C-alpha atoms as a PDB file:
ATOM      1  CA  MET A   1      49.113 125.198  32.301  1.00  0.00           C
ATOM      2  CA  SER A   2      50.597 123.614  35.389  1.00  0.00           C
ATOM      3  CA  VAL A   3      52.552 120.380  35.176  1.00  0.00           C
ATOM      4  CA  ILE A   4      50.369 118.923  37.947  1.00  0.00           C
ATOM      5  CA  SER A   5      47.243 119.378  35.828  1.00  0.00           C
ATOM      6  CA  GLN A   6      48.846 117.301  33.069  1.00  0.00           C
ATOM      7  CA  LEU A   7      49.167 114.180  35.244  1.00  0.00           C
ATOM      8  CA  ASN A   8      46.789 111.482  33.983  1.00  0.00           C
ATOM      9  CA  GLU A   9      46.135 109.666  37.264  1.00  0.00           C
ATOM     10  CA  LYS A  10      43.768 111.478  39.654  1.00  0.00           C
ATOM     11  CA  LYS A  11      45.515 110.069  42.754  1.00  0.00           C
ATOM     12  CA  ALA A  12      48.876 111.276  41.461  1.00  0.00           C
ATOM     13  CA  ARG A  13      47.420 114.756  40.840  1.00  0.00           C
ATOM     14  CA  GLY A  14      46.085 114.799  44.396  1.00  0.00           C
ATOM     15  CA  PHE A  15      49.440 113.786  45.851  1.00  0.00           C
ATOM     16  CA  ALA A  16      51.269 116.309  43.667  1.00  0.00           C
ATOM     17  CA  ARG A  17      48.902 119.068  44.783  1.00  0.00           C
ATOM     18  CA  HIS A  18      49.479 118.033  48.416  1.00  0.00           C
ATOM     19  CA  CYS A  19      53.247 118.194  47.862  1.00  0.00           C
ATOM     20  CA  PHE A  20      52.963 121.599  46.197  1.00  0.00           C
ATOM     21  CA  GLU A  21      50.885 123.029  49.027  1.00  0.00           C
ATOM     22  CA  LYS A  22      52.467 121.374  52.081  1.00  0.00           C
ATOM     23  CA  ILE A  23      56.127 120.597  51.328  1.00  0.00           C
ATOM     24  CA  THR A  24      59.004 123.010  50.899  1.00  0.00           C
ATOM     25  CA  GLU A  25      60.926 123.241  47.648  1.00  0.00           C
ATOM     26  CA  GLU A  26      64.070 122.028  49.421  1.00  0.00           C
ATOM     27  CA  LYS A  27      62.285 118.939  50.754  1.00  0.00           C
ATOM     28  CA  LEU A  28      60.776 118.230  47.317  1.00  0.00           C
ATOM     29  CA  ARG A  29      64.255 118.356  45.780  1.00  0.00           C
ATOM     30  CA  ASP A  30      65.451 115.851  48.391  1.00  0.00           C
ATOM     31  CA  MET A  31      62.451 113.625  47.700  1.00  0.00           C
ATOM     32  CA  ALA A  32      63.128 113.733  43.954  1.00  0.00           C
ATOM     33  CA  MET A  33      66.731 112.632  44.481  1.00  0.00           C
ATOM     34  CA  GLY A  34      65.915 109.708  46.786  1.00  0.00           C
ATOM     35  CA  PRO A  35      63.831 106.573  46.525  1.00  0.00           C
ATOM     36  CA  ALA A  36      60.038 106.738  46.437  1.00  0.00           C
ATOM     37  CA  SER A  37      58.437 106.736  49.868  1.00  0.00           C
ATOM     38  CA  GLU A  38      56.766 103.421  50.642  1.00  0.00           C
ATOM     39  CA  HIS A  39      54.593 105.209  53.204  1.00  0.00           C
ATOM     40  CA  ASP A  40      53.382 107.810  50.709  1.00  0.00           C
ATOM     41  CA  MET A  41      52.756 105.204  48.015  1.00  0.00           C
ATOM     42  CA  LYS A  42      50.675 103.082  50.385  1.00  0.00           C
ATOM     43  CA  HIS A  43      48.791 106.050  51.861  1.00  0.00           C
ATOM     44  CA  TRP A  44      47.988 107.626  48.481  1.00  0.00           C
ATOM     45  CA  GLY A  45      47.556 104.352  46.539  1.00  0.00           C
ATOM     46  CA  LEU A  46      50.338 105.178  44.082  1.00  0.00           C
ATOM     47  CA  SER A  47      52.812 103.131  42.111  1.00  0.00           C
ATOM     48  CA  GLU A  48      56.475 104.078  42.305  1.00  0.00           C
ATOM     49  CA  GLY A  49      56.256 105.728  38.887  1.00  0.00           C
ATOM     50  CA  GLU A  50      53.182 107.752  39.874  1.00  0.00           C
ATOM     51  CA  TRP A  51      54.921 108.896  43.071  1.00  0.00           C
ATOM     52  CA  GLU A  52      57.978 110.000  41.086  1.00  0.00           C
ATOM     53  CA  GLU A  53      55.842 111.831  38.503  1.00  0.00           C
ATOM     54  CA  ALA A  54      53.853 113.586  41.224  1.00  0.00           C
ATOM     55  CA  VAL A  55      56.939 114.778  43.092  1.00  0.00           C
ATOM     56  CA  SER A  56      58.535 115.970  39.849  1.00  0.00           C
ATOM     57  CA  ALA A  57      55.353 117.778  38.798  1.00  0.00           C
ATOM     58  CA  ALA A  58      55.000 119.509  42.167  1.00  0.00           C
ATOM     59  CA  LEU A  59      58.628 120.596  42.063  1.00  0.00           C
ATOM     60  CA  ALA A  60      58.332 121.862  38.480  1.00  0.00           C
ATOM     61  CA  ASP A  61      55.231 123.892  39.313  1.00  0.00           C
ATOM     62  CA  MET A  62      56.833 125.252  42.462  1.00  0.00           C
ATOM     63  CA  GLN A  63      59.906 126.329  40.537  1.00  0.00           C
ATOM     64  CA  SER A  64      57.787 128.008  37.876  1.00  0.00           C
ATOM     65  CA  GLU A  65      55.544 129.543  40.544  1.00  0.00           C
ATOM     66  CA  LYS A  66      52.349 128.230  39.037  1.00  0.00           C
ATOM     67  CA  THR A  67      49.362 127.438  41.161  1.00  0.00           C
ATOM     68  CA  PRO A  68      47.946 123.957  40.557  1.00  0.00           C
ATOM     69  CA  PRO A  69      44.342 123.912  39.388  1.00  0.00           C
ATOM     70  CA  SER A  70      41.607 122.351  41.467  1.00  0.00           C
ATOM     71  CA  ASP A  71      39.923 119.183  40.201  1.00  0.00           C
END
């Protein structure tokens, strides 16, 4: 089971899936180390915690080479 599929918030799952599909692993690592993106949070309707969980989930799935499930 992918880590993304375990996220409770639907918007966070959508953002995590976007990250998994559109962002490189290197960029995701950089995102995980820095502050949450105000732009992303506003655009996706996420809290800071949801943003952090989504980025971490996308990175974990990418590193384990799992494909996130569709909704």
